[in-house]
């Protein structure tokens, strides 16, 4: 008799990460010895799973073709690799991957401030953004949370307006 198969529930990496941080903060603030032991257990489990991820990444990297791009492009897998400092891509590549995942936005990197974690993005749409950039900022922030958590602030700047060059108006009246 085989065991029933269960499908893993899809996890929202950003929400789950925030929830874990909140619980750990509450446990640390309580001063309760049982909470301290539970916090140590959680950290030990994270170390254990991190070691397993590192080993899986090592095995995949040695395989023909290396680590599949689809695996690195998965938000949950990418966030776990970043969490454990295992993601093989550098920050700029991960930021590019996150922005590429935004199908409805045309954004490019205008600059990144290492100290503050502020990422400036520019709309590639000609003539600038219509309306506010808050939708683009929210979409970028959500995508970047999984792929590049070192980005702590996102600012979307409108694209420079294009100048219309036409013929000068015909002279009027007085000669």
Protein backbone atom coordinates (compact mmCIF):
# COMPACT_ATOMS: atom_id res chain seq x y z
CA UNK A 1 0.00 0.00 0.00
CA UNK A 2 1.51 3.33 -0.99
CA UNK A 3 1.24 6.52 1.00
CA UNK A 4 -1.14 9.13 -0.39
CA UNK A 5 0.56 11.92 -2.29
CA UNK A 6 0.07 15.43 -1.07
CA UNK A 7 0.73 18.50 -3.14
CA UNK A 8 2.62 21.26 -1.42
CA UNK A 9 0.63 24.43 -0.97
CA UNK A 10 2.07 27.32 -2.92
CA UNK A 11 3.83 29.67 -0.53
CA UNK A 12 4.07 33.41 -0.84
CA UNK A 13 7.74 33.83 0.01
CA UNK A 14 7.48 37.51 0.95
CA UNK A 15 4.54 37.01 3.34
CA UNK A 16 6.04 33.86 4.87
CA UNK A 17 9.39 35.57 5.41
CA UNK A 18 7.70 38.52 7.13
CA UNK A 19 5.66 36.16 9.31
CA UNK A 20 8.77 34.24 10.39
CA UNK A 21 10.59 37.48 11.25
CA UNK A 22 7.60 38.71 13.28
CA UNK A 23 7.37 35.45 15.24
CA UNK A 24 11.12 35.42 15.93
CA UNK A 25 10.99 39.06 17.07
CA UNK A 26 8.09 38.31 19.44
CA UNK A 27 9.90 35.28 20.83
CA UNK A 28 13.10 37.26 21.40
CA UNK A 29 11.19 40.10 23.07
CA UNK A 30 9.31 37.79 25.46
CA UNK A 31 12.36 36.88 27.56
CA UNK A 32 10.77 33.47 28.19
CA UNK A 33 13.35 30.61 28.34
CA UNK A 34 10.96 28.35 26.38
CA UNK A 35 10.73 31.04 23.69
CA UNK A 36 14.53 31.25 23.57
CA UNK A 37 14.70 27.46 23.08
CA UNK A 38 12.05 27.64 20.34
CA UNK A 39 13.97 30.45 18.65
CA UNK A 40 17.13 28.33 18.76
CA UNK A 41 15.19 25.42 17.26
CA UNK A 42 13.93 27.60 14.39
CA UNK A 43 17.42 28.92 13.69
CA UNK A 44 18.85 25.37 13.78
CA UNK A 45 16.19 24.17 11.34
CA UNK A 46 17.00 27.11 9.05
CA UNK A 47 20.69 26.15 9.18
CA UNK A 48 19.81 22.53 8.42
CA UNK A 49 17.59 23.39 5.45
CA UNK A 50 20.16 25.93 4.26
CA UNK A 51 22.83 23.21 4.25
CA UNK A 52 20.47 20.97 2.25
CA UNK A 53 19.85 23.75 -0.27
CA UNK A 54 23.58 24.36 -0.56
CA UNK A 55 24.15 20.68 -1.28
CA UNK A 56 21.32 20.57 -3.86
CA UNK A 57 22.76 23.65 -5.57
CA UNK A 58 26.23 22.05 -5.58
CA UNK A 59 24.86 18.87 -7.17
CA UNK A 60 22.88 20.84 -9.78
CA UNK A 61 25.87 23.06 -10.58
CA UNK A 62 28.02 19.98 -11.29
CA UNK A 63 25.38 18.44 -13.58
CA UNK A 64 25.55 19.01 -17.34
CA UNK A 65 23.86 22.32 -18.08
CA UNK A 66 24.28 23.58 -14.52
CA UNK A 67 21.46 25.05 -12.49
CA UNK A 68 18.33 25.39 -14.64
CA UNK A 69 17.26 28.99 -15.21
CA UNK A 70 13.67 28.04 -14.43
CA UNK A 71 14.77 27.04 -10.94
CA UNK A 72 16.58 30.34 -10.37
CA UNK A 73 13.58 32.21 -11.81
CA UNK A 74 11.11 30.64 -9.39
CA UNK A 75 10.21 33.21 -6.70
CA UNK A 76 10.08 30.73 -3.84
CA UNK A 77 13.31 28.94 -4.75
CA UNK A 78 15.08 32.24 -5.46
CA UNK A 79 14.01 33.71 -2.12
CA UNK A 80 15.26 30.64 -0.25
CA UNK A 81 18.59 30.76 -2.07
CA UNK A 82 18.94 34.47 -1.33
CA UNK A 83 17.91 33.95 2.31
CA UNK A 84 20.73 31.43 2.75
CA UNK A 85 23.18 33.53 0.67
CA UNK A 86 23.37 30.74 -1.91
CA UNK A 87 21.94 32.35 -5.04
CA UNK A 88 24.57 31.96 -7.76
CA UNK A 89 23.58 35.14 -9.60
CA UNK A 90 24.88 38.54 -8.55
CA UNK A 91 22.55 41.30 -7.33
CA UNK A 92 22.32 43.10 -10.68
CA UNK A 93 21.39 39.89 -12.51
CA UNK A 94 18.72 39.09 -9.89
CA UNK A 95 17.32 42.62 -10.17
CA UNK A 96 17.15 42.21 -13.95
CA UNK A 97 15.39 38.84 -13.55
CA UNK A 98 12.84 40.42 -11.20
CA UNK A 99 12.16 43.31 -13.59
CA UNK A 100 11.85 40.89 -16.53
CA UNK A 101 9.09 39.10 -14.63
CA UNK A 102 6.97 42.28 -14.68
CA UNK A 103 5.11 41.80 -17.94
CA UNK A 104 2.92 44.91 -17.64
CA UNK A 105 5.73 47.32 -16.76
CA UNK A 106 8.57 48.61 -18.91
CA UNK A 107 11.23 49.44 -16.34
CA UNK A 108 15.01 49.75 -16.47
CA UNK A 109 17.54 50.35 -13.71
CA UNK A 110 18.58 54.00 -13.38
CA UNK A 111 20.77 53.45 -10.32
CA UNK A 112 21.24 51.62 -7.03
CA UNK A 113 22.47 53.13 -3.76
CA UNK A 114 24.37 50.42 -1.86
CA UNK A 115 24.17 52.26 1.44
CA UNK A 116 20.43 52.93 1.57
CA UNK A 117 19.29 50.02 -0.61
CA UNK A 118 17.34 52.45 -2.83
CA UNK A 119 16.79 51.30 -6.40
CA UNK A 120 15.90 53.96 -8.95
CA UNK A 121 13.97 52.67 -11.94
CA UNK A 122 13.01 54.50 -15.10
CA UNK A 123 10.02 53.82 -17.27
CA UNK A 124 11.01 52.76 -20.79
CA UNK A 125 7.62 53.86 -22.11
CA UNK A 126 8.10 56.89 -24.35
CA UNK A 127 6.75 60.15 -23.07
CA UNK A 128 6.93 59.16 -19.42
CA UNK A 129 4.46 57.34 -17.21
CA UNK A 130 0.81 58.10 -17.46
CA UNK A 131 -0.61 58.71 -14.01
CA UNK A 132 1.38 57.84 -10.92
CA UNK A 133 4.23 55.37 -10.74
CA UNK A 134 2.80 53.72 -7.62
CA UNK A 135 1.50 50.67 -9.53
CA UNK A 136 4.90 50.16 -11.12
CA UNK A 137 6.63 50.72 -7.76
CA UNK A 138 4.39 48.19 -5.99
CA UNK A 139 4.86 45.59 -8.73
CA UNK A 140 8.63 46.11 -8.72
CA UNK A 141 8.79 46.00 -4.92
CA UNK A 142 6.90 42.68 -4.82
CA UNK A 143 9.10 41.08 -7.51
CA UNK A 144 12.31 42.36 -5.94
CA UNK A 145 11.38 41.07 -2.47
CA UNK A 146 12.02 37.51 -3.64
CA UNK A 147 14.94 38.06 -5.99
CA UNK A 148 16.81 40.97 -4.39
CA UNK A 149 15.84 41.66 -0.78
CA UNK A 150 18.82 44.00 -0.45
CA UNK A 151 16.62 46.49 -2.35
CA UNK A 152 14.83 48.26 0.47
CA UNK A 153 13.28 51.13 -1.49
CA UNK A 154 12.00 51.43 -5.05
CA UNK A 155 11.51 54.74 -6.85
CA UNK A 156 10.15 54.83 -10.40
CA UNK A 157 11.11 57.90 -12.40
CA UNK A 158 9.22 58.81 -15.56
CA UNK A 159 11.02 58.43 -18.86
CA UNK A 160 12.28 61.67 -20.34
CA UNK A 161 9.66 63.29 -22.55
CA UNK A 162 10.35 63.12 -26.25
CA UNK A 163 10.61 66.44 -28.04
CA UNK A 164 8.47 66.90 -31.13
CA UNK A 165 10.43 68.55 -33.90
CA UNK A 166 8.37 69.97 -36.69
CA UNK A 167 8.54 72.68 -39.31
CA UNK A 168 8.24 76.26 -38.11
CA UNK A 169 4.88 77.91 -38.63
CA UNK A 170 4.35 79.82 -41.86
CA UNK A 171 4.94 83.57 -41.56
CA UNK A 172 1.77 85.56 -41.16
CA UNK A 173 0.72 88.95 -42.41
CA UNK A 174 3.22 91.85 -42.39
CA UNK A 175 5.92 91.88 -45.04
